[in-house]
């Protein structure tokens, strides 16, 4: 039985394969997709081998109808799905996973909260408010030299807190 089905599919491919491939290629405009249509058409013919005969109608007509239905199904499926684009430096994903940024922000804010109020206020004014040393000095009512030394010391303390936190997290993992 299996060899007769195989012979049927082989015979259908030899007799109608080129015409089906040309038809599918013209309709889809895509050689690979046309080959998929041909393959699916022959698989369906193999599944319905018992009902294929010239007495029930044209086998070629049945094959072309099946090919048209397969192409219609593929076109519908393609229209539902968004176009796939390979990821490359030119086509980056629309949105990257932001989990790492969220964790980094939480860790940085936690470390910032651990600084003394004097150090934290200087960093907030310079880095979050975008103020210059002179503007920060005026806003906080301290000399510019004090702003510079506090920002230097605050960054040093912040770095130590973040490195200590990173080392602690690595020890947990």
C-alpha atoms as a PDB file:
ATOM      1  CA  UNK A   1       0.000   0.000   0.000  1.00  0.00           C
ATOM      2  CA  UNK A   2       2.746   2.450   0.961  1.00  0.00           C
ATOM      3  CA  UNK A   3       4.655   1.828  -2.254  1.00  0.00           C
ATOM      4  CA  UNK A   4       1.549   2.456  -4.370  1.00  0.00           C
ATOM      5  CA  UNK A   5       0.937   5.779  -2.543  1.00  0.00           C
ATOM      6  CA  UNK A   6       4.567   6.721  -3.082  1.00  0.00           C
ATOM      7  CA  UNK A   7       4.277   5.823  -6.761  1.00  0.00           C
ATOM      8  CA  UNK A   8       1.120   7.958  -7.015  1.00  0.00           C
ATOM      9  CA  UNK A   9       2.815  11.006  -5.484  1.00  0.00           C
ATOM     10  CA  UNK A  10       5.892  10.489  -7.652  1.00  0.00           C
ATOM     11  CA  UNK A  11       3.681  10.219 -10.728  1.00  0.00           C
ATOM     12  CA  UNK A  12       1.684  13.333  -9.779  1.00  0.00           C
ATOM     13  CA  UNK A  13       4.916  15.257  -9.262  1.00  0.00           C
ATOM     14  CA  UNK A  14       6.309  14.157 -12.633  1.00  0.00           C
ATOM     15  CA  UNK A  15       3.089  14.971 -14.499  1.00  0.00           C
ATOM     16  CA  UNK A  16       1.928  18.137 -12.719  1.00  0.00           C
ATOM     17  CA  UNK A  17       4.818  19.362 -10.533  1.00  0.00           C
ATOM     18  CA  UNK A  18       6.285  21.901 -12.984  1.00  0.00           C
ATOM     19  CA  UNK A  19       2.885  23.382 -13.799  1.00  0.00           C
ATOM     20  CA  UNK A  20       1.904  23.611 -10.118  1.00  0.00           C
ATOM     21  CA  UNK A  21       5.243  25.187  -9.204  1.00  0.00           C
ATOM     22  CA  UNK A  22       4.942  27.728 -12.032  1.00  0.00           C
ATOM     23  CA  UNK A  23       1.366  28.566 -10.997  1.00  0.00           C
ATOM     24  CA  UNK A  24       2.275  28.993  -7.338  1.00  0.00           C
ATOM     25  CA  UNK A  25       5.365  31.003  -8.279  1.00  0.00           C
ATOM     26  CA  UNK A  26       3.330  33.419 -10.399  1.00  0.00           C
ATOM     27  CA  UNK A  27       0.698  33.902  -7.726  1.00  0.00           C
ATOM     28  CA  UNK A  28       3.031  34.234  -4.732  1.00  0.00           C
ATOM     29  CA  UNK A  29       6.067  35.823  -6.387  1.00  0.00           C
ATOM     30  CA  UNK A  30       8.233  33.776  -4.026  1.00  0.00           C
ATOM     31  CA  UNK A  31      10.051  30.635  -5.171  1.00  0.00           C
ATOM     32  CA  UNK A  32      10.447  29.194  -1.669  1.00  0.00           C
ATOM     33  CA  UNK A  33       6.778  29.759  -0.882  1.00  0.00           C
ATOM     34  CA  UNK A  34       5.815  28.218  -4.228  1.00  0.00           C
ATOM     35  CA  UNK A  35       7.843  25.122  -3.346  1.00  0.00           C
ATOM     36  CA  UNK A  36       6.057  24.931   0.002  1.00  0.00           C
ATOM     37  CA  UNK A  37       2.702  25.145  -1.802  1.00  0.00           C
ATOM     38  CA  UNK A  38       3.710  22.355  -4.167  1.00  0.00           C
ATOM     39  CA  UNK A  39       4.848  20.177  -1.276  1.00  0.00           C
ATOM     40  CA  UNK A  40       1.653  20.768   0.708  1.00  0.00           C
ATOM     41  CA  UNK A  41      -0.454  20.062  -2.390  1.00  0.00           C
ATOM     42  CA  UNK A  42       1.293  16.732  -2.949  1.00  0.00           C
ATOM     43  CA  UNK A  43       0.941  15.835   0.742  1.00  0.00           C
ATOM     44  CA  UNK A  44      -2.801  16.458   0.522  1.00  0.00           C
ATOM     45  CA  UNK A  45      -2.947  14.354  -2.655  1.00  0.00           C
ATOM     46  CA  UNK A  46      -1.145  11.549  -0.809  1.00  0.00           C
ATOM     47  CA  UNK A  47      -3.615  11.810   2.098  1.00  0.00           C
ATOM     48  CA  UNK A  48      -6.553  11.582  -0.331  1.00  0.00           C
ATOM     49  CA  UNK A  49      -4.985   9.048  -2.682  1.00  0.00           C
ATOM     50  CA  UNK A  50      -7.971   6.744  -2.452  1.00  0.00           C
ATOM     51  CA  UNK A  51     -10.371   9.398  -3.718  1.00  0.00           C
ATOM     52  CA  UNK A  52      -8.185  10.543  -6.640  1.00  0.00           C
ATOM     53  CA  UNK A  53      -9.290   9.161  -9.955  1.00  0.00           C
ATOM     54  CA  UNK A  54     -10.198  10.491 -13.375  1.00  0.00           C
ATOM     55  CA  UNK A  55     -13.723   9.137 -12.884  1.00  0.00           C
ATOM     56  CA  UNK A  56     -14.511  11.649 -10.116  1.00  0.00           C
ATOM     57  CA  UNK A  57     -13.067  14.583 -12.045  1.00  0.00           C
ATOM     58  CA  UNK A  58      -9.827  16.016 -13.328  1.00  0.00           C
ATOM     59  CA  UNK A  59      -6.871  15.206 -11.095  1.00  0.00           C
ATOM     60  CA  UNK A  60      -5.043  18.241 -12.465  1.00  0.00           C
ATOM     61  CA  UNK A  61      -8.025  20.450 -11.644  1.00  0.00           C
ATOM     62  CA  UNK A  62      -8.160  18.996  -8.131  1.00  0.00           C
ATOM     63  CA  UNK A  63      -4.417  19.656  -7.655  1.00  0.00           C
ATOM     64  CA  UNK A  64      -4.712  23.263  -8.829  1.00  0.00           C
ATOM     65  CA  UNK A  65      -7.719  23.827  -6.559  1.00  0.00           C
ATOM     66  CA  UNK A  66      -5.774  22.439  -3.615  1.00  0.00           C
ATOM     67  CA  UNK A  67      -2.754  24.610  -4.527  1.00  0.00           C
ATOM     68  CA  UNK A  68      -4.997  27.712  -4.680  1.00  0.00           C
ATOM     69  CA  UNK A  69      -6.479  26.849  -1.273  1.00  0.00           C
ATOM     70  CA  UNK A  70      -3.011  26.312   0.215  1.00  0.00           C
ATOM     71  CA  UNK A  71      -1.844  29.684  -1.128  1.00  0.00           C
ATOM     72  CA  UNK A  72      -4.956  31.376   0.238  1.00  0.00           C
ATOM     73  CA  UNK A  73      -4.312  29.850   3.657  1.00  0.00           C
ATOM     74  CA  UNK A  74      -0.658  30.940   3.583  1.00  0.00           C
ATOM     75  CA  UNK A  75      -1.551  34.486   2.488  1.00  0.00           C
ATOM     76  CA  UNK A  76      -4.138  34.785   5.261  1.00  0.00           C
ATOM     77  CA  UNK A  77      -1.676  33.497   7.833  1.00  0.00           C
ATOM     78  CA  UNK A  78       0.982  35.902   6.569  1.00  0.00           C
ATOM     79  CA  UNK A  79      -1.377  38.892   6.700  1.00  0.00           C
ATOM     80  CA  UNK A  80      -2.265  38.161  10.316  1.00  0.00           C
ATOM     81  CA  UNK A  81       1.355  37.875  11.430  1.00  0.00           C
ATOM     82  CA  UNK A  82       3.551  40.977  11.415  1.00  0.00           C
ATOM     83  CA  UNK A  83       6.420  40.988   8.946  1.00  0.00           C
ATOM     84  CA  UNK A  84       9.473  39.290  10.371  1.00  0.00           C
ATOM     85  CA  UNK A  85      12.709  41.218  10.144  1.00  0.00           C
ATOM     86  CA  UNK A  86      16.054  39.693  10.973  1.00  0.00           C
ATOM     87  CA  UNK A  87      17.822  41.400  13.849  1.00  0.00           C
ATOM     88  CA  UNK A  88      20.986  43.178  12.776  1.00  0.00           C
ATOM     89  CA  UNK A  89      22.816  46.387  13.671  1.00  0.00           C
ATOM     90  CA  UNK A  90      20.682  48.184  11.076  1.00  0.00           C
ATOM     91  CA  UNK A  91      17.393  46.681  12.323  1.00  0.00           C
ATOM     92  CA  UNK A  92      17.428  46.640  16.084  1.00  0.00           C
ATOM     93  CA  UNK A  93      14.382  45.431  18.018  1.00  0.00           C
ATOM     94  CA  UNK A  94      11.746  48.055  18.661  1.00  0.00           C
ATOM     95  CA  UNK A  95      11.991  47.531  22.390  1.00  0.00           C
ATOM     96  CA  UNK A  96      14.748  45.837  24.286  1.00  0.00           C
ATOM     97  CA  UNK A  97      14.196  44.126  27.593  1.00  0.00           C
ATOM     98  CA  UNK A  98      14.301  46.879  30.197  1.00  0.00           C
ATOM     99  CA  UNK A  99      14.601  44.632  33.264  1.00  0.00           C
ATOM    100  CA  UNK A 100      18.334  45.293  33.638  1.00  0.00           C
ATOM    101  CA  UNK A 101      17.778  49.062  33.515  1.00  0.00           C
ATOM    102  CA  UNK A 102      15.066  48.808  36.164  1.00  0.00           C
ATOM    103  CA  UNK A 103      17.323  46.778  38.454  1.00  0.00           C
ATOM    104  CA  UNK A 104      20.214  49.178  37.875  1.00  0.00           C
ATOM    105  CA  UNK A 105      17.960  52.140  38.700  1.00  0.00           C
ATOM    106  CA  UNK A 106      16.695  50.521  41.902  1.00  0.00           C
ATOM    107  CA  UNK A 107      20.229  49.656  43.010  1.00  0.00           C
ATOM    108  CA  UNK A 108      21.506  53.164  42.183  1.00  0.00           C
ATOM    109  CA  UNK A 109      18.630  54.870  44.008  1.00  0.00           C
ATOM    110  CA  UNK A 110      19.143  52.606  47.012  1.00  0.00           C
ATOM    111  CA  UNK A 111      22.839  53.499  47.090  1.00  0.00           C
ATOM    112  CA  UNK A 112      21.990  57.188  46.678  1.00  0.00           C
ATOM    113  CA  UNK A 113      19.626  56.967  49.681  1.00  0.00           C
ATOM    114  CA  UNK A 114      22.468  55.539  51.788  1.00  0.00           C
ATOM    115  CA  UNK A 115      24.633  58.644  51.241  1.00  0.00           C
ATOM    116  CA  UNK A 116      24.628  61.467  53.757  1.00  0.00           C
ATOM    117  CA  UNK A 117      22.132  64.257  53.072  1.00  0.00           C
ATOM    118  CA  UNK A 118      25.001  66.660  52.224  1.00  0.00           C
ATOM    119  CA  UNK A 119      26.459  64.323  49.593  1.00  0.00           C
ATOM    120  CA  UNK A 120      23.081  63.246  48.196  1.00  0.00           C
ATOM    121  CA  UNK A 121      21.824  66.841  47.777  1.00  0.00           C
ATOM    122  CA  UNK A 122      24.937  67.832  45.810  1.00  0.00           C
ATOM    123  CA  UNK A 123      24.618  64.831  43.462  1.00  0.00           C
ATOM    124  CA  UNK A 124      20.892  65.402  42.959  1.00  0.00           C
ATOM    125  CA  UNK A 125      21.474  69.038  42.016  1.00  0.00           C
ATOM    126  CA  UNK A 126      24.366  68.329  39.653  1.00  0.00           C
ATOM    127  CA  UNK A 127      23.251  65.073  37.990  1.00  0.00           C
ATOM    128  CA  UNK A 128      19.463  65.035  38.267  1.00  0.00           C
ATOM    129  CA  UNK A 129      18.727  68.760  38.086  1.00  0.00           C
ATOM    130  CA  UNK A 130      21.546  69.443  35.601  1.00  0.00           C
ATOM    131  CA  UNK A 131      22.941  72.395  37.509  1.00  0.00           C
ATOM    132  CA  UNK A 132      26.517  73.606  37.267  1.00  0.00           C
ATOM    133  CA  UNK A 133      28.814  73.801  40.276  1.00  0.00           C
ATOM    134  CA  UNK A 134      28.134  77.524  40.625  1.00  0.00           C
ATOM    135  CA  UNK A 135      24.350  77.051  40.341  1.00  0.00           C
ATOM    136  CA  UNK A 136      24.432  74.178  42.864  1.00  0.00           C
ATOM    137  CA  UNK A 137      26.507  76.298  45.260  1.00  0.00           C
ATOM    138  CA  UNK A 138      24.023  79.164  44.975  1.00  0.00           C
ATOM    139  CA  UNK A 139      20.989  76.867  45.313  1.00  0.00           C
ATOM    140  CA  UNK A 140      22.362  75.034  48.387  1.00  0.00           C
ATOM    141  CA  UNK A 141      23.953  78.159  49.894  1.00  0.00           C
ATOM    142  CA  UNK A 142      27.474  76.705  50.106  1.00  0.00           C
ATOM    143  CA  UNK A 143      30.776  77.705  48.454  1.00  0.00           C
ATOM    144  CA  UNK A 144      31.621  76.233  45.001  1.00  0.00           C
ATOM    145  CA  UNK A 145      34.725  74.530  46.454  1.00  0.00           C
ATOM    146  CA  UNK A 146      32.515  72.700  48.952  1.00  0.00           C
ATOM    147  CA  UNK A 147      30.231  71.560  46.102  1.00  0.00           C
ATOM    148  CA  UNK A 148      33.273  70.175  44.265  1.00  0.00           C
ATOM    149  CA  UNK A 149      34.677  68.329  47.271  1.00  0.00           C
ATOM    150  CA  UNK A 150      31.256  66.981  48.313  1.00  0.00           C
ATOM    151  CA  UNK A 151      30.509  65.776  44.776  1.00  0.00           C
ATOM    152  CA  UNK A 152      33.924  64.095  44.604  1.00  0.00           C
ATOM    153  CA  UNK A 153      33.457  62.413  47.975  1.00  0.00           C
ATOM    154  CA  UNK A 154      29.828  61.529  47.200  1.00  0.00           C
ATOM    155  CA  UNK A 155      30.830  59.822  43.951  1.00  0.00           C
ATOM    156  CA  UNK A 156      33.600  57.951  45.753  1.00  0.00           C
ATOM    157  CA  UNK A 157      31.151  56.767  48.457  1.00  0.00           C
ATOM    158  CA  UNK A 158      28.506  55.915  45.858  1.00  0.00           C
ATOM    159  CA  UNK A 159      31.027  53.865  43.885  1.00  0.00           C
ATOM    160  CA  UNK A 160      31.994  51.954  47.036  1.00  0.00           C
ATOM    161  CA  UNK A 161      28.342  51.312  47.885  1.00  0.00           C
ATOM    162  CA  UNK A 162      27.602  50.079  44.367  1.00  0.00           C
ATOM    163  CA  UNK A 163      30.698  47.875  44.225  1.00  0.00           C
ATOM    164  CA  UNK A 164      29.886  46.450  47.641  1.00  0.00           C
ATOM    165  CA  UNK A 165      26.316  45.817  46.536  1.00  0.00           C
ATOM    166  CA  UNK A 166      27.527  44.171  43.344  1.00  0.00           C
ATOM    167  CA  UNK A 167      29.913  41.922  45.256  1.00  0.00           C
ATOM    168  CA  UNK A 168      27.130  40.997  47.694  1.00  0.00           C
ATOM    169  CA  UNK A 169      24.794  40.144  44.800  1.00  0.00           C
ATOM    170  CA  UNK A 170      27.468  37.994  43.150  1.00  0.00           C
ATOM    171  CA  UNK A 171      27.946  36.122  46.409  1.00  0.00           C
ATOM    172  CA  UNK A 172      24.213  35.364  46.523  1.00  0.00           C
ATOM    173  CA  UNK A 173      24.021  34.128  42.930  1.00  0.00           C
END
